[in-house]
């Protein structure tokens, strides 16, 4: 059984992995030229978060 600290770290790792996966989806959508608004709607990110991901990967 996991201790509370290990469980907390595990949950944080799972959440981080999901966020990275969603960011990859955003990148693929940007490469397909979907609008920032559509990407935000589908991923539940804000338009500003989508823009930040796009800028980070030199897609806008």
N, C-alpha and C. Protein backbone atom coordinates (compact mmCIF):
# COMPACT_ATOMS: atom_id res chain seq x y z
N UNK A 1 0.84 -1.19 0.00
CA UNK A 1 0.00 0.00 0.00
C UNK A 1 0.89 1.25 0.00
N UNK A 2 0.47 2.26 -0.74
CA UNK A 2 1.23 3.49 -0.81
C UNK A 2 1.00 4.36 0.41
N UNK A 3 2.08 4.98 0.89
CA UNK A 3 1.90 5.94 1.97
C UNK A 3 1.26 7.20 1.38
N UNK A 4 0.81 8.08 2.25
CA UNK A 4 0.14 9.30 1.77
C UNK A 4 1.07 10.14 0.91
N UNK A 5 2.36 10.25 1.29
CA UNK A 5 3.30 11.02 0.47
C UNK A 5 3.47 10.39 -0.90
N UNK A 6 3.63 9.08 -0.95
CA UNK A 6 3.78 8.40 -2.23
C UNK A 6 2.52 8.55 -3.07
N UNK A 7 1.37 8.44 -2.45
CA UNK A 7 0.11 8.59 -3.16
C UNK A 7 -0.01 10.00 -3.74
N UNK A 8 0.36 11.00 -2.96
CA UNK A 8 0.31 12.39 -3.42
C UNK A 8 1.22 12.58 -4.62
N UNK A 9 2.46 12.06 -4.53
CA UNK A 9 3.39 12.18 -5.66
C UNK A 9 2.87 11.45 -6.89
N UNK A 10 2.28 10.30 -6.67
CA UNK A 10 1.72 9.52 -7.77
C UNK A 10 0.61 10.30 -8.45
N UNK A 11 -0.30 10.87 -7.65
CA UNK A 11 -1.42 11.65 -8.22
C UNK A 11 -0.90 12.85 -9.00
N UNK A 12 0.13 13.52 -8.46
CA UNK A 12 0.71 14.66 -9.16
C UNK A 12 1.34 14.23 -10.48
N UNK A 13 2.00 13.08 -10.47
CA UNK A 13 2.60 12.56 -11.69
C UNK A 13 1.56 12.22 -12.75
N UNK A 14 0.48 11.62 -12.32
CA UNK A 14 -0.61 11.29 -13.25
C UNK A 14 -1.19 12.57 -13.84
N UNK A 15 -1.42 13.57 -13.01
CA UNK A 15 -1.98 14.84 -13.51
C UNK A 15 -1.01 15.51 -14.48
N UNK A 16 0.28 15.47 -14.17
CA UNK A 16 1.27 16.07 -15.06
C UNK A 16 1.31 15.34 -16.40
N UNK A 17 1.22 14.03 -16.36
CA UNK A 17 1.20 13.25 -17.59
C UNK A 17 -0.01 13.56 -18.45
N UNK A 18 -1.14 13.73 -17.82
CA UNK A 18 -2.35 14.08 -18.58
C UNK A 18 -2.22 15.45 -19.22
N UNK A 19 -1.66 16.41 -18.48
CA UNK A 19 -1.48 17.76 -19.03
C UNK A 19 -0.53 17.72 -20.22
N UNK A 20 0.55 16.94 -20.12
CA UNK A 20 1.49 16.83 -21.24
C UNK A 20 0.80 16.19 -22.44
N UNK A 21 -0.04 15.20 -22.19
CA UNK A 21 -0.78 14.56 -23.28
C UNK A 21 -1.72 15.53 -23.96
N UNK A 22 -2.41 16.36 -23.17
CA UNK A 22 -3.31 17.36 -23.75
C UNK A 22 -2.52 18.39 -24.55
N UNK A 23 -1.33 18.75 -24.07
CA UNK A 23 -0.50 19.70 -24.81
C UNK A 23 -0.11 19.12 -26.16
N UNK A 24 0.19 17.83 -26.21
CA UNK A 24 0.52 17.18 -27.48
C UNK A 24 -0.67 17.22 -28.44
N UNK A 25 -1.87 17.04 -27.90
CA UNK A 25 -3.07 17.12 -28.72
C UNK A 25 -3.22 18.54 -29.28
N UNK A 26 -2.97 19.54 -28.46
CA UNK A 26 -3.04 20.93 -28.91
C UNK A 26 -2.05 21.16 -30.05
N UNK A 27 -0.84 20.67 -29.90
CA UNK A 27 0.18 20.83 -30.94
C UNK A 27 -0.29 20.21 -32.25
N UNK A 28 -0.84 19.02 -32.18
CA UNK A 28 -1.32 18.37 -33.40
C UNK A 28 -2.47 19.15 -34.03
N UNK A 29 -3.36 19.68 -33.21
CA UNK A 29 -4.48 20.47 -33.73
C UNK A 29 -3.98 21.75 -34.38
N UNK A 30 -2.98 22.38 -33.77
CA UNK A 30 -2.40 23.59 -34.36
C UNK A 30 -1.76 23.27 -35.71
N UNK A 31 -1.10 22.15 -35.80
CA UNK A 31 -0.48 21.75 -37.07
C UNK A 31 -1.52 21.46 -38.15
N UNK A 32 -2.73 21.12 -37.75
CA UNK A 32 -3.83 20.89 -38.69
C UNK A 32 -4.59 22.19 -38.97
N UNK A 33 -4.10 23.29 -38.39
CA UNK A 33 -4.64 24.63 -38.62
C UNK A 33 -6.05 24.83 -38.06
N UNK A 34 -6.38 24.14 -36.98
CA UNK A 34 -7.64 24.41 -36.30
C UNK A 34 -7.53 25.77 -35.60
N UNK A 35 -8.64 26.44 -35.42
CA UNK A 35 -8.62 27.76 -34.78
C UNK A 35 -8.29 27.62 -33.29
N UNK A 36 -7.71 28.66 -32.74
CA UNK A 36 -7.39 28.67 -31.32
C UNK A 36 -8.64 28.47 -30.48
N UNK A 37 -9.74 29.08 -30.91
CA UNK A 37 -10.99 28.97 -30.18
C UNK A 37 -11.53 27.54 -30.18
N UNK A 38 -11.43 26.87 -31.33
CA UNK A 38 -11.89 25.49 -31.43
C UNK A 38 -11.04 24.58 -30.55
N UNK A 39 -9.73 24.78 -30.59
CA UNK A 39 -8.83 23.97 -29.77
C UNK A 39 -9.14 24.17 -28.29
N UNK A 40 -9.35 25.42 -27.90
CA UNK A 40 -9.67 25.71 -26.50
C UNK A 40 -10.97 25.03 -26.09
N UNK A 41 -11.95 25.08 -26.95
CA UNK A 41 -13.25 24.46 -26.65
C UNK A 41 -13.12 22.94 -26.48
N UNK A 42 -12.38 22.32 -27.36
CA UNK A 42 -12.25 20.86 -27.34
C UNK A 42 -11.41 20.38 -26.16
N UNK A 43 -10.35 21.11 -25.83
CA UNK A 43 -9.41 20.67 -24.79
C UNK A 43 -9.70 21.21 -23.39
N UNK A 44 -10.62 22.14 -23.31
CA UNK A 44 -10.91 22.82 -22.04
C UNK A 44 -9.75 23.67 -21.54
N UNK A 45 -8.84 24.03 -22.45
CA UNK A 45 -7.82 25.02 -22.15
C UNK A 45 -8.42 26.39 -22.48
N UNK A 46 -7.83 27.44 -21.94
CA UNK A 46 -8.23 28.78 -22.36
C UNK A 46 -7.51 29.10 -23.67
N UNK A 47 -8.00 30.08 -24.38
CA UNK A 47 -7.34 30.51 -25.61
C UNK A 47 -5.91 30.96 -25.29
N UNK A 48 -5.74 31.61 -24.15
CA UNK A 48 -4.41 32.07 -23.74
C UNK A 48 -3.46 30.89 -23.51
N UNK A 49 -3.97 29.80 -22.92
CA UNK A 49 -3.15 28.62 -22.71
C UNK A 49 -2.77 27.98 -24.04
N UNK A 50 -3.71 27.95 -24.97
CA UNK A 50 -3.43 27.40 -26.30
C UNK A 50 -2.36 28.25 -26.99
N UNK A 51 -2.49 29.57 -26.89
CA UNK A 51 -1.49 30.46 -27.48
C UNK A 51 -0.12 30.22 -26.88
N UNK A 52 -0.07 30.04 -25.57
CA UNK A 52 1.21 29.82 -24.89
C UNK A 52 1.88 28.53 -25.38
N UNK A 53 1.09 27.48 -25.55
CA UNK A 53 1.62 26.22 -26.06
C UNK A 53 2.12 26.42 -27.50
N UNK A 54 1.33 27.13 -28.30
CA UNK A 54 1.71 27.38 -29.69
C UNK A 54 3.01 28.17 -29.77
N UNK A 55 3.14 29.19 -28.95
CA UNK A 55 4.37 29.99 -28.96
C UNK A 55 5.55 29.18 -28.48
N UNK A 56 5.34 28.35 -27.48
CA UNK A 56 6.42 27.52 -26.94
C UNK A 56 6.99 26.58 -28.01
N UNK A 57 6.14 26.17 -28.93
CA UNK A 57 6.55 25.25 -29.99
C UNK A 57 6.68 25.93 -31.36
N UNK A 58 6.78 27.25 -31.34
CA UNK A 58 6.99 28.06 -32.55
C UNK A 58 5.95 27.76 -33.63
N UNK A 59 4.68 27.64 -33.19
CA UNK A 59 3.61 27.37 -34.15
C UNK A 59 2.80 28.62 -34.46
N UNK A 60 3.04 29.69 -33.75
CA UNK A 60 2.44 31.00 -34.10
C UNK A 60 3.46 32.08 -33.86
